[in-house]
PDB file of N, CA and C in Angstrom:
ATOM      1  N   MET A   1       4.528-138.383-111.235  1.00  0.00           N
ATOM      2  CA  MET A   1       4.336-136.896-111.367  1.00  0.00           C
ATOM      3  C   MET A   1       4.568-135.762-112.030  1.00  0.00           C
ATOM      4  N   THR A   2       3.783-135.677-112.764  1.00  0.00           N
ATOM      5  CA  THR A   2       4.260-133.932-113.877  1.00  0.00           C
ATOM      6  C   THR A   2       4.101-132.929-114.440  1.00  0.00           C
ATOM      7  N   LEU A   3       3.733-131.923-113.565  1.00  0.00           N
ATOM      8  CA  LEU A   3       2.859-131.174-113.626  1.00  0.00           C
ATOM      9  C   LEU A   3       2.949-130.126-115.224  1.00  0.00           C
ATOM     10  N   ASN A   4       4.169-130.345-115.577  1.00  0.00           N
ATOM     11  CA  ASN A   4       4.019-129.376-116.727  1.00  0.00           C
ATOM     12  C   ASN A   4       5.844-129.476-117.527  1.00  0.00           C
ATOM     13  N   ASN A   5       5.594-129.170-118.675  1.00  0.00           N
ATOM     14  CA  ASN A   5       6.990-129.271-118.533  1.00  0.00           C
ATOM     15  C   ASN A   5       7.962-128.970-118.484  1.00  0.00           C
ATOM     16  N   ASP A   6       7.658-126.696-118.135  1.00  0.00           N
ATOM     17  CA  ASP A   6       9.130-126.586-117.170  1.00  0.00           C
ATOM     18  C   ASP A   6       9.399-127.030-115.404  1.00  0.00           C
ATOM     19  N   GLU A   7       8.502-128.563-115.522  1.00  0.00           N
ATOM     20  CA  GLU A   7       8.816-128.690-114.081  1.00  0.00           C
ATOM     21  C   GLU A   7       9.768-130.758-114.481  1.00  0.00           C
ATOM     22  N   LYS A   8      10.267-130.694-112.932  1.00  0.00           N
ATOM     23  CA  LYS A   8      10.667-131.876-112.884  1.00  0.00           C
ATOM     24  C   LYS A   8       9.584-132.735-111.987  1.00  0.00           C
ATOM     25  N   GLY A   9       9.638-134.257-112.744  1.00  0.00           N
ATOM     26  CA  GLY A   9       8.335-135.240-112.314  1.00  0.00           C
ATOM     27  C   GLY A   9       9.621-136.006-111.544  1.00  0.00           C
ATOM     28  N   TRP A  10       8.223-136.462-110.676  1.00  0.00           N
ATOM     29  CA  TRP A  10       8.847-137.961-109.771  1.00  0.00           C
ATOM     30  C   TRP A  10       8.130-138.842-109.258  1.00  0.00           C
ATOM     31  N   GLU A  11       8.343-140.339-109.302  1.00  0.00           N
ATOM     32  CA  GLU A  11       7.574-141.276-108.854  1.00  0.00           C
ATOM     33  C   GLU A  11       8.191-141.910-108.233  1.00  0.00           C
ATOM     34  N   LEU A  12       7.338-142.736-107.001  1.00  0.00           N
ATOM     35  CA  LEU A  12       7.788-143.473-105.837  1.00  0.00           C
ATOM     36  C   LEU A  12       6.674-144.354-105.885  1.00  0.00           C
ATOM     37  N   ALA A  13       7.452-146.288-106.303  1.00  0.00           N
ATOM     38  CA  ALA A  13       6.713-147.239-106.300  1.00  0.00           C
ATOM     39  C   ALA A  13       7.390-147.863-105.267  1.00  0.00           C
ATOM     40  N   ILE A  14       6.382-149.238-105.039  1.00  0.00           N
ATOM     41  CA  ILE A  14       6.740-150.554-104.567  1.00  0.00           C
ATOM     42  C   ILE A  14       6.599-151.643-104.805  1.00  0.00           C
ATOM     43  N   GLY A  15       7.519-152.846-105.024  1.00  0.00           N
ATOM     44  CA  GLY A  15       7.617-153.516-105.965  1.00  0.00           C
ATOM     45  C   GLY A  15       8.571-154.667-105.345  1.00  0.00           C
ATOM     46  N   THR A  16       8.087-155.784-105.923  1.00  0.00           N
ATOM     47  CA  THR A  16       8.471-157.323-105.175  1.00  0.00           C
ATOM     48  C   THR A  16       9.539-157.997-106.296  1.00  0.00           C
ATOM     49  N   TYR A  17       9.995-158.804-105.124  1.00  0.00           N
ATOM     50  CA  TYR A  17      10.981-159.524-106.057  1.00  0.00           C
ATOM     51  C   TYR A  17      10.882-160.758-105.312  1.00  0.00           C
ATOM     52  N   PRO A  18      11.777-161.935-105.983  1.00  0.00           N
ATOM     53  CA  PRO A  18      11.963-162.829-105.639  1.00  0.00           C
ATOM     54  C   PRO A  18      13.491-163.215-104.938  1.00  0.00           C
ATOM     55  N   GLY A  19      13.241-163.367-103.820  1.00  0.00           N
ATOM     56  CA  GLY A  19      14.554-163.461-103.171  1.00  0.00           C
ATOM     57  C   GLY A  19      15.068-162.377-102.692  1.00  0.00           C
ATOM     58  N   ILE A  20      16.057-162.454-101.278  1.00  0.00           N
ATOM     59  CA  ILE A  20      16.144-161.757-100.245  1.00  0.00           C
ATOM     60  C   ILE A  20      17.726-160.639-100.670  1.00  0.00           C
ATOM     61  N   LEU A  21      17.737-159.348-100.224  1.00  0.00           N
ATOM     62  CA  LEU A  21      18.708-158.839-100.349  1.00  0.00           C
ATOM     63  C   LEU A  21      18.901-157.717 -99.906  1.00  0.00           C
ATOM     64  N   PHE A  22      19.698-157.496 -99.631  1.00  0.00           N
ATOM     65  CA  PHE A  22      19.664-155.573 -98.986  1.00  0.00           C
ATOM     66  C   PHE A  22      20.974-154.421 -99.530  1.00  0.00           C
ATOM     67  N   GLY A  23      20.379-153.701 -99.614  1.00  0.00           N
ATOM     68  CA  GLY A  23      21.224-152.516 -99.915  1.00  0.00           C
ATOM     69  C   GLY A  23      20.348-151.848-101.279  1.00  0.00           C
ATOM     70  N   ILE A  24      21.021-150.949-101.871  1.00  0.00           N
ATOM     71  CA  ILE A  24      20.804-149.256-101.643  1.00  0.00           C
ATOM     72  C   ILE A  24      21.493-149.524-104.057  1.00  0.00           C
ATOM     73  N   ARG A  25      20.312-149.607-105.286  1.00  0.00           N
ATOM     74  CA  ARG A  25      20.988-149.091-106.609  1.00  0.00           C
ATOM     75  C   ARG A  25      20.877-147.717-107.014  1.00  0.00           C
ATOM     76  N   THR A  26      21.557-147.550-107.448  1.00  0.00           N
ATOM     77  CA  THR A  26      21.003-146.009-108.926  1.00  0.00           C
ATOM     78  C   THR A  26      21.016-146.437-110.221  1.00  0.00           C
ATOM     79  N   TYR A  27      20.099-146.672-110.793  1.00  0.00           N
ATOM     80  CA  TYR A  27      20.101-146.270-112.106  1.00  0.00           C
ATOM     81  C   TYR A  27      19.811-145.536-113.110  1.00  0.00           C
ATOM     82  N   GLN A  28      20.237-144.710-113.778  1.00  0.00           N
ATOM     83  CA  GLN A  28      20.568-143.498-114.460  1.00  0.00           C
ATOM     84  C   GLN A  28      20.902-143.911-115.571  1.00  0.00           C
ATOM     85  N   GLU A  29      19.905-143.399-116.469  1.00  0.00           N
ATOM     86  CA  GLU A  29      19.287-143.166-117.866  1.00  0.00           C
ATOM     87  C   GLU A  29      19.147-141.677-118.148  1.00  0.00           C
ATOM     88  N   GLU A  30      19.228-142.173-119.950  1.00  0.00           N
ATOM     89  CA  GLU A  30      19.244-140.189-120.581  1.00  0.00           C
ATOM     90  C   GLU A  30      18.611-138.985-119.505  1.00  0.00           C
ATOM     91  N   THR A  31      17.399-139.358-119.553  1.00  0.00           N
ATOM     92  CA  THR A  31      16.144-138.525-119.676  1.00  0.00           C
ATOM     93  C   THR A  31      15.746-138.614-117.734  1.00  0.00           C
ATOM     94  N   PHE A  32      16.701-139.591-116.691  1.00  0.00           N
ATOM     95  CA  PHE A  32      15.585-140.000-115.445  1.00  0.00           C
ATOM     96  C   PHE A  32      16.708-140.629-115.114  1.00  0.00           C
ATOM     97  N   ASP A  33      17.136-140.826-113.189  1.00  0.00           N
ATOM     98  CA  ASP A  33      17.525-141.585-112.498  1.00  0.00           C
ATOM     99  C   ASP A  33      16.925-142.391-111.172  1.00  0.00           C
ATOM    100  N   THR A  34      17.069-143.790-110.598  1.00  0.00           N
ATOM    101  CA  THR A  34      15.864-144.156-110.523  1.00  0.00           C
ATOM    102  C   THR A  34      17.025-144.713-108.994  1.00  0.00           C
ATOM    103  N   HIS A  35      16.238-144.416-108.492  1.00  0.00           N
ATOM    104  CA  HIS A  35      17.124-145.086-106.993  1.00  0.00           C
ATOM    105  C   HIS A  35      15.997-146.207-106.597  1.00  0.00           C
ATOM    106  N   VAL A  36      16.923-147.472-106.007  1.00  0.00           N
ATOM    107  CA  VAL A  36      16.001-148.449-105.716  1.00  0.00           C
ATOM    108  C   VAL A  36      16.245-148.875-104.621  1.00  0.00           C
ATOM    109  N   LEU A  37      16.031-149.152-103.839  1.00  0.00           N
ATOM    110  CA  LEU A  37      16.321-149.557-101.913  1.00  0.00           C
ATOM    111  C   LEU A  37      15.431-151.235-101.631  1.00  0.00           C
ATOM    112  N   TYR A  38      16.976-151.985-102.223  1.00  0.00           N
ATOM    113  CA  TYR A  38      16.709-153.412-101.666  1.00  0.00           C
ATOM    114  C   TYR A  38      15.759-154.259-100.628  1.00  0.00           C
ATOM    115  N   LEU A  39      15.004-154.373 -99.967  1.00  0.00           N
ATOM    116  CA  LEU A  39      14.740-155.115 -98.746  1.00  0.00           C
ATOM    117  C   LEU A  39      14.402-156.508 -98.926  1.00  0.00           C
ATOM    118  N   PRO A  40      14.593-157.565 -97.946  1.00  0.00           N
ATOM    119  CA  PRO A  40      14.092-158.822 -98.423  1.00  0.00           C
ATOM    120  C   PRO A  40      12.795-158.807 -98.920  1.00  0.00           C
ATOM    121  N   PHE A  41      12.511-159.260-100.230  1.00  0.00           N
ATOM    122  CA  PHE A  41      11.245-159.514-100.940  1.00  0.00           C
ATOM    123  C   PHE A  41      10.186-157.943-101.086  1.00  0.00           C
ATOM    124  N   VAL A  42      10.942-157.121-100.746  1.00  0.00           N
ATOM    125  CA  VAL A  42      10.509-155.659-100.694  1.00  0.00           C
ATOM    126  C   VAL A  42      11.520-154.620-101.869  1.00  0.00           C
ATOM    127  N   ASN A  43      11.538-154.393-102.615  1.00  0.00           N
ATOM    128  CA  ASN A  43      11.932-153.408-103.763  1.00  0.00           C
ATOM    129  C   ASN A  43      11.047-151.679-103.055  1.00  0.00           C
ATOM    130  N   VAL A  44      11.556-150.160-102.827  1.00  0.00           N
ATOM    131  CA  VAL A  44      11.074-149.128-103.131  1.00  0.00           C
ATOM    132  C   VAL A  44      12.012-148.978-103.912  1.00  0.00           C
ATOM    133  N   ILE A  45      11.742-147.678-105.720  1.00  0.00           N
ATOM    134  CA  ILE A  45      11.526-147.099-106.464  1.00  0.00           C
ATOM    135  C   ILE A  45      11.158-145.631-106.568  1.00  0.00           C
ATOM    136  N   PHE A  46      12.770-145.374-106.594  1.00  0.00           N
ATOM    137  CA  PHE A  46      12.599-143.654-106.237  1.00  0.00           C
ATOM    138  C   PHE A  46      12.412-142.915-107.807  1.00  0.00           C
ATOM    139  N   THR A  47      12.155-142.184-108.457  1.00  0.00           N
ATOM    140  CA  THR A  47      12.217-142.057-110.698  1.00  0.00           C
ATOM    141  C   THR A  47      12.258-140.281-109.659  1.00  0.00           C
ATOM    142  N   ILE A  48      13.137-139.704-110.885  1.00  0.00           N
ATOM    143  CA  ILE A  48      13.049-138.645-110.482  1.00  0.00           C
ATOM    144  C   ILE A  48      13.767-138.340-112.364  1.00  0.00           C
ATOM    145  N   ASP A  49      13.246-137.141-112.432  1.00  0.00           N
ATOM    146  CA  ASP A  49      13.792-136.997-113.850  1.00  0.00           C
ATOM    147  C   ASP A  49      14.447-135.996-113.798  1.00  0.00           C
ATOM    148  N   LYS A  50      15.647-135.595-115.335  1.00  0.00           N
ATOM    149  CA  LYS A  50      17.004-135.484-115.380  1.00  0.00           C
ATOM    150  C   LYS A  50      16.046-133.883-115.696  1.00  0.00           C
TER     151      LYS A  50
END
């Protein structure tokens, strides 16, 4: 969700994956960071623009 070029945007998403995992991981890219919370069969993804 980005309102204009001057403001930072963010996105919240929920997904599934095969397997059982508990934990949190951050993926750092050049223009955004993605934080992922892993629960059994479900992950919650929070992405923030830099």
